[in-house]
Amino acid sequence: MEILKVASTSNPNAVAGAIAGALENDGIVEAHAIGAGAVNQAVKAIAIARRLIEREGETEIKVIPGFIDVEIGGELKTGMRFIIEK
């Protein structure tokens, strides 16, 4: 399963393309986002990816949100994890 890291500066269209590509290859992908801006970009990307996949006539996607703890620079940060699958 591929893990995508989404930042507040990430382009939602580019992330959506990566999500759609990973779903086509594996059928499941994870997106990790730390911070409000990154979570916002991740949610927008998931919505765009859903539209892309539905336009191709494929099945709907399922998104399971949750929390994840990540160590960055010796500090423990809490972020959001989105498991996206067909």
N, C-alpha and C. Protein backbone atom coordinates (compact mmCIF):
# COMPACT_ATOMS: atom_id res chain seq x y z
N MET A 1 0.85 -1.18 0.00
CA MET A 1 0.00 0.00 0.00
C MET A 1 0.89 1.23 0.00
N GLU A 2 0.54 2.17 -0.87
CA GLU A 2 1.30 3.40 -0.99
C GLU A 2 0.84 4.40 0.08
N ILE A 3 1.79 5.16 0.62
CA ILE A 3 1.48 6.19 1.61
C ILE A 3 1.84 7.54 0.99
N LEU A 4 0.85 8.43 0.91
CA LEU A 4 1.06 9.77 0.39
C LEU A 4 1.12 10.74 1.55
N LYS A 5 2.12 11.62 1.55
CA LYS A 5 2.22 12.64 2.58
C LYS A 5 1.75 13.95 1.98
N VAL A 6 0.74 14.53 2.60
CA VAL A 6 0.13 15.75 2.10
C VAL A 6 0.52 16.92 3.00
N ALA A 7 0.99 18.00 2.38
CA ALA A 7 1.38 19.20 3.11
C ALA A 7 0.37 20.31 2.84
N SER A 8 0.45 21.37 3.61
CA SER A 8 -0.47 22.49 3.41
C SER A 8 -0.22 23.18 2.07
N THR A 9 0.98 22.98 1.51
CA THR A 9 1.32 23.58 0.22
C THR A 9 1.10 22.63 -0.95
N SER A 10 0.60 21.43 -0.68
CA SER A 10 0.36 20.45 -1.75
C SER A 10 -0.76 20.91 -2.67
N ASN A 11 -0.60 20.62 -3.95
CA ASN A 11 -1.62 20.93 -4.95
C ASN A 11 -2.67 19.83 -4.90
N PRO A 12 -3.93 20.14 -4.55
CA PRO A 12 -4.95 19.10 -4.43
C PRO A 12 -5.18 18.31 -5.71
N ASN A 13 -5.03 18.97 -6.88
CA ASN A 13 -5.21 18.26 -8.15
C ASN A 13 -4.11 17.22 -8.36
N ALA A 14 -2.88 17.57 -7.99
CA ALA A 14 -1.76 16.64 -8.12
C ALA A 14 -1.92 15.47 -7.15
N VAL A 15 -2.34 15.75 -5.93
CA VAL A 15 -2.55 14.69 -4.94
C VAL A 15 -3.69 13.79 -5.38
N ALA A 16 -4.76 14.39 -5.95
CA ALA A 16 -5.89 13.60 -6.44
C ALA A 16 -5.45 12.63 -7.54
N GLY A 17 -4.58 13.10 -8.43
CA GLY A 17 -4.05 12.23 -9.48
C GLY A 17 -3.23 11.09 -8.90
N ALA A 18 -2.46 11.39 -7.87
CA ALA A 18 -1.67 10.35 -7.21
C ALA A 18 -2.58 9.34 -6.52
N ILE A 19 -3.65 9.82 -5.90
CA ILE A 19 -4.60 8.92 -5.24
C ILE A 19 -5.26 8.02 -6.28
N ALA A 20 -5.74 8.61 -7.37
CA ALA A 20 -6.41 7.82 -8.42
C ALA A 20 -5.46 6.78 -9.02
N GLY A 21 -4.22 7.17 -9.24
CA GLY A 21 -3.23 6.23 -9.79
C GLY A 21 -2.94 5.09 -8.84
N ALA A 22 -2.78 5.41 -7.56
CA ALA A 22 -2.51 4.37 -6.57
C ALA A 22 -3.69 3.43 -6.41
N LEU A 23 -4.91 3.98 -6.47
CA LEU A 23 -6.10 3.13 -6.37
C LEU A 23 -6.21 2.19 -7.58
N GLU A 24 -5.81 2.69 -8.73
CA GLU A 24 -5.85 1.84 -9.93
C GLU A 24 -4.84 0.70 -9.82
N ASN A 25 -3.67 0.98 -9.24
CA ASN A 25 -2.63 -0.04 -9.12
C ASN A 25 -2.90 -1.03 -7.99
N ASP A 26 -3.19 -0.50 -6.79
CA ASP A 26 -3.29 -1.34 -5.60
C ASP A 26 -4.71 -1.50 -5.06
N GLY A 27 -5.59 -0.58 -5.38
CA GLY A 27 -6.95 -0.62 -4.85
C GLY A 27 -7.07 0.00 -3.47
N ILE A 28 -5.93 0.43 -2.89
CA ILE A 28 -5.94 1.05 -1.56
C ILE A 28 -4.73 1.98 -1.45
N VAL A 29 -4.91 3.09 -0.75
CA VAL A 29 -3.84 4.06 -0.55
C VAL A 29 -4.08 4.77 0.78
N GLU A 30 -3.02 5.23 1.41
CA GLU A 30 -3.12 6.02 2.64
C GLU A 30 -2.61 7.42 2.37
N ALA A 31 -3.28 8.41 2.94
CA ALA A 31 -2.82 9.79 2.88
C ALA A 31 -2.61 10.27 4.31
N HIS A 32 -1.44 10.82 4.59
CA HIS A 32 -1.12 11.34 5.92
C HIS A 32 -1.02 12.86 5.83
N ALA A 33 -1.63 13.55 6.80
CA ALA A 33 -1.60 15.01 6.83
C ALA A 33 -1.43 15.47 8.27
N ILE A 34 -0.50 16.40 8.49
CA ILE A 34 -0.26 16.95 9.83
C ILE A 34 -0.51 18.45 9.76
N GLY A 35 -1.46 18.92 10.54
CA GLY A 35 -1.81 20.33 10.57
C GLY A 35 -3.10 20.60 9.81
N ALA A 36 -3.76 21.68 10.19
CA ALA A 36 -5.06 22.01 9.62
C ALA A 36 -4.99 22.26 8.12
N GLY A 37 -3.97 22.97 7.67
CA GLY A 37 -3.83 23.25 6.24
C GLY A 37 -3.62 21.99 5.43
N ALA A 38 -2.82 21.08 5.95
CA ALA A 38 -2.56 19.82 5.25
C ALA A 38 -3.81 18.95 5.20
N VAL A 39 -4.56 18.92 6.29
CA VAL A 39 -5.81 18.14 6.32
C VAL A 39 -6.79 18.72 5.31
N ASN A 40 -6.87 20.04 5.22
CA ASN A 40 -7.73 20.70 4.26
C ASN A 40 -7.37 20.28 2.83
N GLN A 41 -6.08 20.31 2.49
CA GLN A 41 -5.64 19.94 1.15
C GLN A 41 -5.92 18.46 0.87
N ALA A 42 -5.75 17.61 1.89
CA ALA A 42 -6.00 16.18 1.72
C ALA A 42 -7.48 15.91 1.44
N VAL A 43 -8.35 16.58 2.17
CA VAL A 43 -9.79 16.37 1.97
C VAL A 43 -10.22 16.86 0.59
N LYS A 44 -9.68 18.00 0.17
CA LYS A 44 -9.99 18.49 -1.18
C LYS A 44 -9.50 17.50 -2.23
N ALA A 45 -8.31 16.96 -2.04
CA ALA A 45 -7.75 16.00 -2.99
C ALA A 45 -8.59 14.73 -3.06
N ILE A 46 -9.08 14.26 -1.92
CA ILE A 46 -9.92 13.06 -1.90
C ILE A 46 -11.22 13.32 -2.67
N ALA A 47 -11.81 14.50 -2.49
CA ALA A 47 -13.04 14.84 -3.20
C ALA A 47 -12.80 14.90 -4.71
N ILE A 48 -11.68 15.47 -5.12
CA ILE A 48 -11.34 15.55 -6.54
C ILE A 48 -11.09 14.15 -7.10
N ALA A 49 -10.37 13.32 -6.35
CA ALA A 49 -10.09 11.95 -6.79
C ALA A 49 -11.38 11.16 -6.95
N ARG A 50 -12.30 11.36 -6.04
CA ARG A 50 -13.61 10.68 -6.12
C ARG A 50 -14.31 11.04 -7.42
N ARG A 51 -14.29 12.32 -7.76
CA ARG A 51 -14.92 12.77 -9.00
C ARG A 51 -14.23 12.15 -10.22
N LEU A 52 -12.89 12.11 -10.20
CA LEU A 52 -12.14 11.52 -11.32
C LEU A 52 -12.50 10.05 -11.51
N ILE A 53 -12.55 9.32 -10.42
CA ILE A 53 -12.81 7.88 -10.48
C ILE A 53 -14.24 7.62 -10.93
N GLU A 54 -15.18 8.40 -10.44
CA GLU A 54 -16.58 8.20 -10.82
C GLU A 54 -16.83 8.56 -12.28
N ARG A 55 -16.10 9.53 -12.81
CA ARG A 55 -16.24 9.91 -14.23
C ARG A 55 -15.76 8.79 -15.15
N GLU A 56 -14.81 8.01 -14.68
CA GLU A 56 -14.30 6.89 -15.48
C GLU A 56 -15.24 5.70 -15.42
N GLY A 57 -16.33 5.83 -14.67
CA GLY A 57 -17.32 4.76 -14.59
C GLY A 57 -16.94 3.65 -13.64
N GLU A 58 -15.93 3.89 -12.81
CA GLU A 58 -15.51 2.85 -11.87
C GLU A 58 -16.33 2.95 -10.59
N THR A 59 -16.08 2.05 -9.68
CA THR A 59 -16.84 2.02 -8.43
C THR A 59 -16.53 3.23 -7.57
N GLU A 60 -17.35 3.43 -6.56
CA GLU A 60 -17.12 4.52 -5.62
C GLU A 60 -15.94 4.18 -4.72
N ILE A 61 -15.43 5.21 -4.04
CA ILE A 61 -14.34 4.97 -3.10
C ILE A 61 -14.87 5.06 -1.68
N LYS A 62 -14.15 4.43 -0.78
CA LYS A 62 -14.47 4.46 0.65
C LYS A 62 -13.30 5.10 1.36
N VAL A 63 -13.58 6.04 2.27
CA VAL A 63 -12.54 6.74 3.02
C VAL A 63 -12.74 6.49 4.51
N ILE A 64 -11.67 6.05 5.16
CA ILE A 64 -11.70 5.80 6.60
C ILE A 64 -10.71 6.76 7.25
N PRO A 65 -11.20 7.80 7.93
CA PRO A 65 -10.29 8.74 8.60
C PRO A 65 -9.88 8.22 9.98
N GLY A 66 -8.72 8.64 10.41
CA GLY A 66 -8.25 8.27 11.75
C GLY A 66 -7.06 9.14 12.13
N PHE A 67 -6.56 8.92 13.32
CA PHE A 67 -5.42 9.68 13.81
C PHE A 67 -4.15 8.85 13.68
N ILE A 68 -3.03 9.55 13.58
CA ILE A 68 -1.73 8.90 13.51
C ILE A 68 -0.73 9.75 14.29
N ASP A 69 0.18 9.10 15.00
CA ASP A 69 1.25 9.80 15.72
C ASP A 69 2.53 9.66 14.92
N VAL A 70 3.18 10.79 14.66
CA VAL A 70 4.40 10.82 13.85
C VAL A 70 5.47 11.59 14.61
N GLU A 71 6.70 11.08 14.59
CA GLU A 71 7.81 11.79 15.23
C GLU A 71 8.52 12.64 14.19
N ILE A 72 8.54 13.94 14.44
CA ILE A 72 9.20 14.88 13.52
C ILE A 72 10.17 15.72 14.33
N GLY A 73 11.45 15.61 14.01
CA GLY A 73 12.46 16.39 14.72
C GLY A 73 12.50 16.11 16.21
N GLY A 74 12.25 14.86 16.59
CA GLY A 74 12.27 14.48 17.99
C GLY A 74 10.99 14.80 18.74
N GLU A 75 10.03 15.42 18.06
CA GLU A 75 8.74 15.76 18.67
C GLU A 75 7.66 14.83 18.16
N LEU A 76 6.77 14.42 19.03
CA LEU A 76 5.64 13.58 18.64
C LEU A 76 4.48 14.48 18.24
N LYS A 77 4.03 14.32 17.00
CA LYS A 77 2.91 15.12 16.49
C LYS A 77 1.77 14.19 16.13
N THR A 78 0.55 14.69 16.28
CA THR A 78 -0.63 13.94 15.90
C THR A 78 -1.14 14.48 14.56
N GLY A 79 -1.42 13.58 13.65
CA GLY A 79 -1.92 13.96 12.34
C GLY A 79 -3.14 13.13 11.99
N MET A 80 -3.61 13.34 10.79
CA MET A 80 -4.76 12.59 10.28
C MET A 80 -4.27 11.58 9.26
N ARG A 81 -4.90 10.39 9.32
CA ARG A 81 -4.60 9.34 8.35
C ARG A 81 -5.91 9.03 7.64
N PHE A 82 -5.87 9.05 6.32
CA PHE A 82 -7.04 8.70 5.52
C PHE A 82 -6.71 7.43 4.75
N ILE A 83 -7.44 6.37 5.02
CA ILE A 83 -7.30 5.14 4.24
C ILE A 83 -8.36 5.21 3.16
N ILE A 84 -7.92 5.14 1.91
CA ILE A 84 -8.81 5.31 0.77
C ILE A 84 -8.77 4.00 -0.02
N GLU A 85 -9.94 3.42 -0.27
CA GLU A 85 -9.98 2.17 -1.04
C GLU A 85 -11.19 2.15 -1.96
N LYS A 86 -11.06 1.32 -3.00
CA LYS A 86 -12.17 1.15 -3.94
C LYS A 86 -13.19 0.23 -3.37
